[in-house]
């Protein structure tokens, strides 16, 4: 899979989030930013993103996924957002 394919899958399955994807093949780093993460524990945030990709993970199309999640307010100060 390509990062653009992973991004398209996530955008179609998780509303109101912005995604930043890096990686190739079946190994990806996902950064997700959205209000949907407000008030959720880190584990619940990751479960939300994993569940959106569960079919691809089960099929082996995606294998190793690293996920970081932020609310929009948290994203403003996130190291990944430093430009």
C-alpha atoms as a PDB file:
ATOM      1  CA  UNK A   1       0.000   0.000   0.000  1.00  0.00           C
ATOM      2  CA  UNK A   2       0.955   3.621  -0.443  1.00  0.00           C
ATOM      3  CA  UNK A   3       0.598   6.373   2.182  1.00  0.00           C
ATOM      4  CA  UNK A   4      -2.086   8.018   0.029  1.00  0.00           C
ATOM      5  CA  UNK A   5      -4.139   4.791   0.089  1.00  0.00           C
ATOM      6  CA  UNK A   6      -3.911   4.539   3.885  1.00  0.00           C
ATOM      7  CA  UNK A   7      -4.886   8.208   4.180  1.00  0.00           C
ATOM      8  CA  UNK A   8      -7.897   7.713   1.888  1.00  0.00           C
ATOM      9  CA  UNK A   9      -9.065   4.701   3.914  1.00  0.00           C
ATOM     10  CA  UNK A  10      -8.807   6.589   7.193  1.00  0.00           C
ATOM     11  CA  UNK A  11     -10.499   9.704   5.809  1.00  0.00           C
ATOM     12  CA  UNK A  12     -13.420   7.621   4.564  1.00  0.00           C
ATOM     13  CA  UNK A  13     -13.824   5.816   7.894  1.00  0.00           C
ATOM     14  CA  UNK A  14     -13.053   8.459  10.545  1.00  0.00           C
ATOM     15  CA  UNK A  15     -14.917  11.732  10.095  1.00  0.00           C
ATOM     16  CA  UNK A  16     -13.485  15.053  11.142  1.00  0.00           C
ATOM     17  CA  UNK A  17      -9.855  13.983  11.359  1.00  0.00           C
ATOM     18  CA  UNK A  18      -6.745  15.133   9.581  1.00  0.00           C
ATOM     19  CA  UNK A  19      -4.163  12.449   8.838  1.00  0.00           C
ATOM     20  CA  UNK A  20      -0.422  12.566   8.200  1.00  0.00           C
ATOM     21  CA  UNK A  21       0.904   9.246   6.890  1.00  0.00           C
ATOM     22  CA  UNK A  22       4.467   8.090   6.318  1.00  0.00           C
ATOM     23  CA  UNK A  23       5.799   4.701   5.351  1.00  0.00           C
ATOM     24  CA  UNK A  24       5.642   2.145   2.583  1.00  0.00           C
ATOM     25  CA  UNK A  25       4.660  -1.430   1.867  1.00  0.00           C
ATOM     26  CA  UNK A  26       2.834  -2.631   4.964  1.00  0.00           C
ATOM     27  CA  UNK A  27       4.615  -0.466   7.571  1.00  0.00           C
ATOM     28  CA  UNK A  28       3.215   2.988   8.324  1.00  0.00           C
ATOM     29  CA  UNK A  29       3.357   5.819  10.815  1.00  0.00           C
ATOM     30  CA  UNK A  30      -0.010   7.490  11.292  1.00  0.00           C
ATOM     31  CA  UNK A  31      -0.539  10.863  12.941  1.00  0.00           C
ATOM     32  CA  UNK A  32      -4.232  11.631  13.428  1.00  0.00           C
ATOM     33  CA  UNK A  33      -5.592  15.004  14.522  1.00  0.00           C
ATOM     34  CA  UNK A  34      -9.226  15.537  15.421  1.00  0.00           C
ATOM     35  CA  UNK A  35     -11.787  16.676  17.968  1.00  0.00           C
ATOM     36  CA  UNK A  36     -12.949  13.048  18.140  1.00  0.00           C
ATOM     37  CA  UNK A  37      -9.976  12.313  20.426  1.00  0.00           C
ATOM     38  CA  UNK A  38     -11.021  14.890  23.043  1.00  0.00           C
ATOM     39  CA  UNK A  39     -11.536  13.229  26.405  1.00  0.00           C
ATOM     40  CA  UNK A  40     -10.388   9.770  25.264  1.00  0.00           C
ATOM     41  CA  UNK A  41      -7.542   7.870  26.903  1.00  0.00           C
ATOM     42  CA  UNK A  42      -4.455   7.164  24.764  1.00  0.00           C
ATOM     43  CA  UNK A  43      -5.522   3.522  24.444  1.00  0.00           C
ATOM     44  CA  UNK A  44      -9.054   4.437  23.297  1.00  0.00           C
ATOM     45  CA  UNK A  45      -7.602   6.872  20.767  1.00  0.00           C
ATOM     46  CA  UNK A  46      -5.388   4.167  19.265  1.00  0.00           C
ATOM     47  CA  UNK A  47      -8.240   1.658  19.255  1.00  0.00           C
ATOM     48  CA  UNK A  48     -10.342   4.115  17.265  1.00  0.00           C
ATOM     49  CA  UNK A  49      -7.705   4.380  14.533  1.00  0.00           C
ATOM     50  CA  UNK A  50      -6.893   0.641  14.578  1.00  0.00           C
ATOM     51  CA  UNK A  51     -10.579  -0.241  14.210  1.00  0.00           C
ATOM     52  CA  UNK A  52     -10.785   1.943  11.094  1.00  0.00           C
ATOM     53  CA  UNK A  53      -8.025  -0.204   9.547  1.00  0.00           C
ATOM     54  CA  UNK A  54      -9.053  -3.581  10.997  1.00  0.00           C
ATOM     55  CA  UNK A  55      -9.859  -5.203   7.629  1.00  0.00           C
ATOM     56  CA  UNK A  56      -6.489  -4.228   6.163  1.00  0.00           C
ATOM     57  CA  UNK A  57      -4.652  -5.369   9.284  1.00  0.00           C
ATOM     58  CA  UNK A  58      -6.503  -8.711   9.290  1.00  0.00           C
ATOM     59  CA  UNK A  59      -5.712  -9.303   5.610  1.00  0.00           C
ATOM     60  CA  UNK A  60      -2.026  -8.479   6.073  1.00  0.00           C
ATOM     61  CA  UNK A  61      -2.167  -5.499   3.705  1.00  0.00           C
ATOM     62  CA  UNK A  62      -1.080  -3.442   6.722  1.00  0.00           C
ATOM     63  CA  UNK A  63       1.296  -5.013   9.187  1.00  0.00           C
ATOM     64  CA  UNK A  64       3.193  -2.591  11.398  1.00  0.00           C
ATOM     65  CA  UNK A  65       1.385   0.620  12.259  1.00  0.00           C
ATOM     66  CA  UNK A  66       2.599   3.290  14.634  1.00  0.00           C
ATOM     67  CA  UNK A  67      -0.165   5.685  15.707  1.00  0.00           C
ATOM     68  CA  UNK A  68       0.007   9.090  17.368  1.00  0.00           C
ATOM     69  CA  UNK A  69      -3.200  10.995  18.055  1.00  0.00           C
ATOM     70  CA  UNK A  70      -3.821  14.622  18.937  1.00  0.00           C
ATOM     71  CA  UNK A  71      -6.698  16.983  19.479  1.00  0.00           C
ATOM     72  CA  UNK A  72      -6.348  20.165  17.379  1.00  0.00           C
ATOM     73  CA  UNK A  73      -5.167  22.055  20.497  1.00  0.00           C
ATOM     74  CA  UNK A  74      -2.534  19.399  21.244  1.00  0.00           C
ATOM     75  CA  UNK A  75      -1.439  19.397  17.589  1.00  0.00           C
ATOM     76  CA  UNK A  76      -0.473  23.075  17.787  1.00  0.00           C
ATOM     77  CA  UNK A  77       2.406  22.143  20.123  1.00  0.00           C
ATOM     78  CA  UNK A  78       3.187  18.655  18.819  1.00  0.00           C
ATOM     79  CA  UNK A  79       6.779  17.933  17.746  1.00  0.00           C
ATOM     80  CA  UNK A  80       5.501  16.375  14.481  1.00  0.00           C
ATOM     81  CA  UNK A  81       3.858  19.691  13.633  1.00  0.00           C
ATOM     82  CA  UNK A  82       7.094  21.709  13.828  1.00  0.00           C
ATOM     83  CA  UNK A  83       7.687  23.136  10.389  1.00  0.00           C
END
